[in-house]
């Protein structure tokens, strides 16, 4: 059964859930939400980010691994009242602190658990256990067509939910996840060149291949690059994460990036001594941008801005390197400033950025070129 809801990115899904929380906290709307999407696109990370946003705890309940009694709790006999009562399970929030109750793998939940979930989604209760008002319910699951363990969702459950149809989006993932998490710069640099390798679940299913590239697997690639130094061991691990074909293509660029990108050394040297360290390929320069983004902070803002500004002038600064003349250096510099400024602004450095002399000079030049309104 098709999820006939608007397709949105992970970042848009998080924004929607944040708006839902704000409406719920004002007492205007309390509903249960459901994120549908392929395996590995970041549904769990969205729930984690939502919990951080509301300043609360994430209660992660995997519906494929529990029985109804795990949600209803343990029965005991009250001798005074001569009644059977139920101890509240630890997986259900029980105080007035903000919390996200994350019901993962809802679309794969066995039939015997579903009636227990009905009450949670609609009445916000299981038996005698009522959820506090400051709890937001978010469910997630794969779709039948995604090749994962999933069942057709019946109307008894679907009618209790606001459905979010989450699709992988590369630019959203790079800006709102890869950069923030500080993934190895080779990963976003490669994907900027080969966006078709970002999510390959459908192609892998068509080719009857077990392994597919997903946002989750690219995060593992970053961890492998940072943790394993032996080149052969790296290739084995990454081939086991992405598949042999994408792995081979990735290392054509990753090896070049590692050989040419030296962000730490560039930041350490005086401005006039950095020119020889700039990569000469597009993917190398993109990796440099992501490397700078990962380390940019208040203390190194000046050299970071200098490196970005000089990137735009590389064709003139290094005329002997003919490659620069054919590269979109102005666009790359603009992208670099946008990405790094977003990170620094989120750190509360707006005033320091506006007062930085290198950034002022860059902004003035863009105004002179008609690229920025004063």
Protein backbone atom coordinates (compact mmCIF):
# COMPACT_ATOMS: atom_id res chain seq x y z
CA UNK A 1 0.00 0.00 0.00
CA UNK A 2 1.49 3.33 -1.08
CA UNK A 3 2.13 6.05 1.48
CA UNK A 4 0.22 8.84 -0.25
CA UNK A 5 1.74 11.68 1.75
CA UNK A 6 4.07 14.45 0.58
CA UNK A 7 7.67 13.28 0.16
CA UNK A 8 9.98 15.20 2.47
CA UNK A 9 13.63 15.10 3.51
CA UNK A 10 14.88 14.06 6.93
CA UNK A 11 15.51 17.70 7.81
CA UNK A 12 11.95 18.63 6.84
CA UNK A 13 10.62 15.72 8.88
CA UNK A 14 12.51 16.97 11.92
CA UNK A 15 11.18 20.50 11.38
CA UNK A 16 7.63 19.11 11.15
CA UNK A 17 8.04 17.16 14.38
CA UNK A 18 9.47 20.24 16.11
CA UNK A 19 6.39 22.19 15.04
CA UNK A 20 4.20 19.34 16.30
CA UNK A 21 5.95 19.45 19.66
CA UNK A 22 5.51 23.21 19.95
CA UNK A 23 1.79 22.87 19.19
CA UNK A 24 1.48 20.05 21.72
CA UNK A 25 3.35 21.98 24.42
CA UNK A 26 0.94 24.90 23.92
CA UNK A 27 -2.01 22.54 24.38
CA UNK A 28 -3.28 23.14 20.85
CA UNK A 29 -2.76 19.72 19.25
CA UNK A 30 -1.70 16.30 20.49
CA UNK A 31 -1.31 13.65 17.80
CA UNK A 32 0.87 10.61 17.11
CA UNK A 33 3.32 10.75 14.20
CA UNK A 34 4.63 8.08 11.85
CA UNK A 35 7.79 8.30 9.73
CA UNK A 36 7.84 5.98 6.72
CA UNK A 37 11.06 5.43 4.80
CA UNK A 38 13.75 3.13 3.51
CA UNK A 39 16.18 1.45 5.90
CA UNK A 40 19.13 3.58 6.89
CA UNK A 41 17.81 7.03 5.96
CA UNK A 42 18.01 8.39 9.52
CA UNK A 43 14.60 7.90 11.13
CA UNK A 44 16.13 7.00 14.49
CA UNK A 45 18.50 9.98 14.28
CA UNK A 46 15.48 12.23 13.68
CA UNK A 47 13.87 10.93 16.88
CA UNK A 48 17.13 11.46 18.77
CA UNK A 49 17.44 15.01 17.43
CA UNK A 50 13.83 15.72 18.42
CA UNK A 51 14.50 14.54 21.98
CA UNK A 52 17.51 16.87 22.17
CA UNK A 53 15.40 19.74 20.82
CA UNK A 54 12.73 19.36 23.49
CA UNK A 55 15.33 18.81 26.19
CA UNK A 56 13.93 15.41 27.11
CA UNK A 57 14.62 11.71 27.14
CA UNK A 58 14.15 9.33 24.23
CA UNK A 59 12.27 6.12 25.09
CA UNK A 60 13.18 3.79 22.20
CA UNK A 61 10.76 0.84 21.96
CA UNK A 62 11.45 -1.73 19.22
CA UNK A 63 8.05 -3.26 18.56
CA UNK A 64 9.48 -6.36 16.86
CA UNK A 65 11.25 -7.48 20.03
CA UNK A 66 8.56 -7.08 22.71
CA UNK A 67 5.36 -8.76 23.89
CA UNK A 68 2.16 -6.97 24.96
CA UNK A 69 3.11 -7.61 28.59
CA UNK A 70 6.28 -5.55 28.10
CA UNK A 71 4.09 -2.47 27.60
CA UNK A 72 1.29 -3.39 29.99
CA UNK A 73 3.70 -4.20 32.81
CA UNK A 74 3.92 -6.86 35.50
CA UNK A 75 0.72 -7.93 37.30
CA UNK A 76 0.52 -8.10 41.09
CA UNK A 77 -2.28 -8.75 43.55
CA UNK A 78 -3.38 -5.93 45.84
CA UNK A 79 -4.55 -7.78 48.97
CA UNK A 80 -6.14 -4.70 50.53
CA UNK A 81 -8.36 -3.93 47.56
CA UNK A 82 -8.51 -7.54 46.38
CA UNK A 83 -7.63 -6.46 42.85
CA UNK A 84 -5.01 -7.39 40.28
CA UNK A 85 -2.95 -4.32 39.40
CA UNK A 86 -0.02 -3.65 37.08
CA UNK A 87 3.45 -2.30 37.71
CA UNK A 88 4.31 0.35 35.13
CA UNK A 89 7.01 -0.80 32.63
CA UNK A 90 10.22 1.22 32.45
CA UNK A 91 9.77 1.74 28.69
CA UNK A 92 6.86 4.12 29.29
CA UNK A 93 7.59 7.70 30.44
CA UNK A 94 6.16 8.27 33.89
CA UNK A 95 6.84 11.85 35.02
CA UNK A 96 6.18 15.36 33.75
CA UNK A 97 9.59 15.81 32.13
CA UNK A 98 9.52 16.20 28.32
CA UNK A 99 10.05 12.92 26.49
CA UNK A 100 9.76 11.27 23.08
CA UNK A 101 8.21 7.80 23.00
CA UNK A 102 9.71 6.33 19.83
CA UNK A 103 7.81 3.27 18.57
CA UNK A 104 10.27 1.89 16.05
CA UNK A 105 9.51 -0.80 13.45
CA UNK A 106 5.76 -0.24 13.74
CA UNK A 107 5.19 -1.50 10.20
CA UNK A 108 6.95 -4.77 11.11
CA UNK A 109 5.21 -5.30 14.46
CA UNK A 110 3.54 -8.74 14.71
CA UNK A 111 -0.24 -8.85 14.84
CA UNK A 112 -0.41 -9.79 18.52
CA UNK A 113 1.32 -6.54 19.56
CA UNK A 114 -0.75 -4.18 17.42
CA UNK A 115 -3.90 -3.98 19.62
CA UNK A 116 -1.67 -2.88 22.50
CA UNK A 117 -0.26 -0.11 20.34
CA UNK A 118 -3.73 1.14 19.32
CA UNK A 119 -4.35 2.61 22.76
CA UNK A 120 -0.97 4.31 22.86
CA UNK A 121 -1.45 5.99 19.50
CA UNK A 122 -4.99 7.25 20.10
CA UNK A 123 -5.75 7.36 23.83
CA UNK A 124 -2.10 7.63 24.95
CA UNK A 125 -2.49 4.78 27.39
CA UNK A 126 -1.84 1.06 27.83
CA UNK A 127 -4.27 -0.48 30.29
CA UNK A 128 -4.02 1.64 33.45
CA UNK A 129 -0.84 3.42 32.35
CA UNK A 130 -1.50 6.91 30.96
CA UNK A 131 1.22 8.93 29.23
CA UNK A 132 1.95 12.37 30.70
CA UNK A 133 1.05 15.42 28.60
CA UNK A 134 4.73 16.21 27.95
CA UNK A 135 5.30 13.01 25.98
CA UNK A 136 5.36 13.11 22.19
CA UNK A 137 4.65 9.85 20.36
CA UNK A 138 6.65 9.22 17.19
CA UNK A 139 6.55 5.91 15.32
CA UNK A 140 8.70 4.76 12.41
CA UNK A 141 8.93 1.90 9.99
CA UNK A 142 9.93 0.72 6.54
CA UNK A 143 7.55 0.30 3.64
CA UNK A 144 6.74 -3.05 2.04
CA UNK A 145 8.38 -1.99 -1.23
CA UNK A 146 11.66 -1.15 0.55
CA UNK A 147 12.72 -4.79 0.73
CA UNK A 148 12.80 -4.71 4.55
CA UNK A 149 10.67 -6.65 7.01
CA UNK A 150 7.35 -4.79 6.80
CA UNK A 151 3.65 -5.56 6.55
CA UNK A 152 0.77 -3.67 5.03
CA UNK A 153 -0.53 -1.26 7.64
CA UNK A 154 -4.19 -1.68 8.43
CA UNK A 155 -6.59 1.22 8.71
CA UNK A 156 -7.04 0.62 12.44
CA UNK A 157 -3.45 1.84 12.94
CA UNK A 158 -3.00 4.21 9.99
CA UNK A 159 -6.03 6.28 10.96
CA UNK A 160 -4.45 7.01 14.35
CA UNK A 161 -1.36 8.69 12.86
CA UNK A 162 -0.07 11.73 11.00
CA UNK A 163 2.12 10.18 8.30
CA UNK A 164 5.47 11.58 7.15
CA UNK A 165 6.87 10.11 3.92
CA UNK A 166 10.64 10.53 4.38
CA UNK A 167 12.95 10.25 1.38
CA UNK A 168 16.76 10.53 1.36
CA UNK A 169 18.00 13.92 0.19
CA UNK A 170 21.75 14.41 -0.26
CA UNK A 171 22.00 18.18 0.25
CA UNK A 172 19.80 17.99 3.33
CA UNK A 173 21.91 15.13 4.71
CA UNK A 174 25.21 16.91 4.10
CA UNK A 175 24.08 20.22 5.62
CA UNK A 176 22.01 18.94 8.53
CA UNK A 177 23.83 15.75 9.42
CA UNK A 178 27.22 15.04 7.82
CA UNK A 179 28.65 18.49 8.58
CA UNK A 180 27.17 18.66 12.07
CA UNK A 181 28.39 15.16 12.96
CA UNK A 182 31.85 15.88 11.54
CA UNK A 183 31.94 12.97 9.12
CA UNK A 184 35.20 12.30 7.29
CA UNK A 185 35.45 14.95 4.51
CA UNK A 186 36.02 12.29 1.85
CA UNK A 187 32.42 11.10 2.28
CA UNK A 188 30.51 14.33 1.45
CA UNK A 189 33.16 15.27 -1.14
CA UNK A 190 32.62 11.99 -3.01
CA UNK A 191 28.84 12.23 -2.78
CA UNK A 192 28.86 15.78 -4.16
CA UNK A 193 30.52 14.32 -7.26
CA UNK A 194 28.49 11.08 -7.30
CA UNK A 195 25.06 11.83 -5.79
CA UNK A 196 23.72 8.68 -7.45
CA UNK A 197 25.72 6.65 -4.93
CA UNK A 198 24.05 8.21 -1.89
CA UNK A 199 21.15 5.76 -1.65
CA UNK A 200 21.06 2.65 -3.84
CA UNK A 201 18.52 0.36 -2.17
CA UNK A 202 16.31 0.03 -5.25
CA UNK A 203 19.23 -0.67 -7.59
CA UNK A 204 20.62 -3.30 -5.23
CA UNK A 205 17.24 -5.01 -5.06
CA UNK A 206 16.97 -5.02 -8.86
CA UNK A 207 20.46 -6.54 -9.15
CA UNK A 208 19.75 -9.03 -6.35
CA UNK A 209 22.63 -7.61 -4.31
CA UNK A 210 22.62 -7.85 -0.53
CA UNK A 211 24.53 -4.63 0.16
CA UNK A 212 23.24 -1.15 -0.67
CA UNK A 213 24.50 2.34 0.03
CA UNK A 214 22.35 4.32 2.47
CA UNK A 215 22.88 7.42 4.61
CA UNK A 216 23.50 5.07 7.54
CA UNK A 217 26.13 3.08 5.64
CA UNK A 218 27.95 6.27 4.60
CA UNK A 219 28.22 7.20 8.28
CA UNK A 220 29.88 3.81 8.84
CA UNK A 221 32.29 4.54 6.00
CA UNK A 222 33.31 7.72 7.81
CA UNK A 223 33.93 5.75 11.00
CA UNK A 224 36.02 3.19 9.09
CA UNK A 225 38.16 5.91 7.50
CA UNK A 226 38.83 7.46 10.89
CA UNK A 227 39.45 4.20 12.76
CA UNK A 228 41.37 1.97 10.34
CA UNK A 229 44.65 3.18 8.88
CA UNK A 230 45.72 0.10 6.89
CA UNK A 231 44.63 0.75 3.25
CA UNK A 232 43.78 -2.88 2.46
CA UNK A 233 41.79 -3.40 5.64
CA UNK A 234 39.92 -0.16 4.92
CA UNK A 235 38.93 -1.38 1.47
CA UNK A 236 37.69 -4.71 2.79
CA UNK A 237 35.55 -3.02 5.43
CA UNK A 238 34.16 -0.38 3.08
CA UNK A 239 33.41 -2.95 0.36
CA UNK A 240 31.45 -4.81 3.02
CA UNK A 241 29.55 -1.60 3.76
CA UNK A 242 28.87 -0.21 0.28
CA UNK A 243 29.45 -3.15 -2.06
CA UNK A 244 32.51 -3.70 -4.27
CA UNK A 245 31.46 -1.44 -7.15
CA UNK A 246 30.77 1.74 -5.16
CA UNK A 247 33.78 1.00 -2.95
CA UNK A 248 36.09 0.95 -5.99
CA UNK A 249 34.69 4.25 -7.25
CA UNK A 250 34.87 5.81 -3.80
CA UNK A 251 38.55 5.05 -3.36
CA UNK A 252 39.50 6.62 -6.68
CA UNK A 253 38.47 9.92 -5.10
CA UNK A 254 39.19 9.11 -1.44
CA UNK A 255 42.83 8.22 -2.12
CA UNK A 256 43.33 11.45 -4.04
CA UNK A 257 41.70 13.44 -1.27
CA UNK A 258 43.87 11.91 1.43
CA UNK A 259 46.99 12.62 -0.63
CA UNK A 260 46.15 16.27 -1.30
CA UNK A 261 43.94 17.66 1.47
CA UNK A 262 45.90 18.92 4.47
CA UNK A 263 43.48 21.19 6.33
CA UNK A 264 45.35 21.11 9.64
CA UNK A 265 48.63 22.04 7.95
CA UNK A 266 46.94 24.84 5.99
CA UNK A 267 45.54 26.37 9.17
CA UNK A 268 48.95 26.19 10.84
CA UNK A 269 50.86 28.01 8.10
CA UNK A 270 50.96 31.75 7.34
CA UNK A 271 48.64 32.83 4.55
CA UNK A 272 51.39 33.29 1.96
CA UNK A 273 52.68 29.74 2.54
CA UNK A 274 49.35 27.98 2.00
CA UNK A 275 49.01 28.23 -1.76
CA UNK A 276 50.99 25.08 -2.51
CA UNK A 277 48.70 23.06 -0.23
CA UNK A 278 45.45 23.70 -2.12
CA UNK A 279 44.11 20.60 -3.92
CA UNK A 280 43.91 20.94 -7.69
CA UNK A 281 40.82 18.78 -8.30
CA UNK A 282 37.17 19.64 -7.72
CA UNK A 283 36.58 16.79 -5.28
CA UNK A 284 39.80 17.68 -3.46
CA UNK A 285 38.65 21.27 -3.00
CA UNK A 286 35.22 20.09 -1.86
CA UNK A 287 36.86 17.82 0.70
CA UNK A 288 38.94 20.78 1.87
CA UNK A 289 35.71 22.75 2.41
CA UNK A 290 34.17 19.94 4.46
CA UNK A 291 37.42 19.53 6.39
CA UNK A 292 37.43 23.24 7.22
CA UNK A 293 33.79 23.04 8.27
CA UNK A 294 34.57 20.22 10.66
CA UNK A 295 37.27 22.18 12.52
CA UNK A 296 35.97 25.76 12.19
CA UNK A 297 35.47 27.54 15.52
CA UNK A 298 35.96 30.92 17.16
CA UNK A 299 39.72 30.45 17.57
CA UNK A 300 40.54 29.61 13.93
CA UNK A 301 37.87 31.68 12.18
CA UNK A 302 40.45 34.06 10.69
CA UNK A 303 42.58 31.48 8.83
CA UNK A 304 39.47 29.54 7.78
CA UNK A 305 38.04 32.68 6.16
CA UNK A 306 41.41 33.40 4.54
CA UNK A 307 41.57 29.94 2.98
CA UNK A 308 38.01 30.28 1.65
CA UNK A 309 38.66 33.77 0.24
CA UNK A 310 41.85 32.66 -1.51
CA UNK A 311 40.02 29.67 -2.99
CA UNK A 312 38.05 32.09 -5.18
CA UNK A 313 41.32 33.61 -6.45
CA UNK A 314 43.27 30.41 -7.11
CA UNK A 315 43.29 30.85 -10.89
CA UNK A 316 45.07 34.18 -10.46
CA UNK A 317 47.20 33.19 -7.46
CA UNK A 318 48.47 30.01 -9.14
CA UNK A 319 48.37 30.70 -12.90
CA UNK A 320 50.78 27.84 -13.58
CA UNK A 321 48.07 25.39 -12.51
CA UNK A 322 45.76 25.50 -15.53
CA UNK A 323 43.12 23.29 -13.88
CA UNK A 324 41.91 26.13 -11.68
CA UNK A 325 40.79 28.18 -14.68
CA UNK A 326 38.14 25.57 -15.54
CA UNK A 327 36.79 25.07 -12.01
CA UNK A 328 33.77 26.97 -10.54
CA UNK A 329 35.88 28.52 -7.80
CA UNK A 330 33.46 31.37 -7.01
CA UNK A 331 30.55 28.95 -6.55
CA UNK A 332 32.69 26.64 -4.45
CA UNK A 333 33.77 29.54 -2.24
CA UNK A 334 30.18 30.67 -1.81
CA UNK A 335 29.12 27.17 -0.82
CA UNK A 336 32.02 26.98 1.62
CA UNK A 337 31.11 30.25 3.30
CA UNK A 338 27.42 29.29 3.51
CA UNK A 339 28.23 25.93 5.10
CA UNK A 340 30.81 27.22 7.56
CA UNK A 341 28.84 30.34 8.48
CA UNK A 342 25.81 28.18 9.26
CA UNK A 343 27.89 26.15 11.71
CA UNK A 344 29.49 29.21 13.32
CA UNK A 345 26.17 31.08 13.58
CA UNK A 346 24.66 28.07 15.36
CA UNK A 347 27.52 28.41 17.85
CA UNK A 348 26.47 31.99 18.63
CA UNK A 349 29.27 33.71 16.72
CA UNK A 350 27.15 36.07 14.61
CA UNK A 351 28.77 39.28 15.89
CA UNK A 352 32.31 37.92 15.57
CA UNK A 353 31.63 36.89 11.97
CA UNK A 354 30.27 40.29 10.95
CA UNK A 355 33.23 42.05 12.54
CA UNK A 356 35.87 39.77 11.03
CA UNK A 357 37.98 41.80 8.55
CA UNK A 358 38.44 38.90 6.09
CA UNK A 359 34.72 38.21 5.98
CA UNK A 360 34.00 41.94 5.60
CA UNK A 361 36.34 42.11 2.61
CA UNK A 362 34.75 39.01 1.04
CA UNK A 363 31.24 40.38 1.57
CA UNK A 364 32.27 43.75 0.09
CA UNK A 365 33.65 42.07 -3.02
CA UNK A 366 30.43 40.11 -3.51
CA UNK A 367 28.47 43.34 -3.25
CA UNK A 368 30.69 44.96 -5.89
CA UNK A 369 30.05 41.98 -8.17
CA UNK A 370 26.31 42.27 -7.60
CA UNK A 371 26.15 38.89 -5.86
CA UNK A 372 25.08 40.25 -2.48
CA UNK A 373 22.77 43.07 -1.42
CA UNK A 374 24.30 45.52 1.04
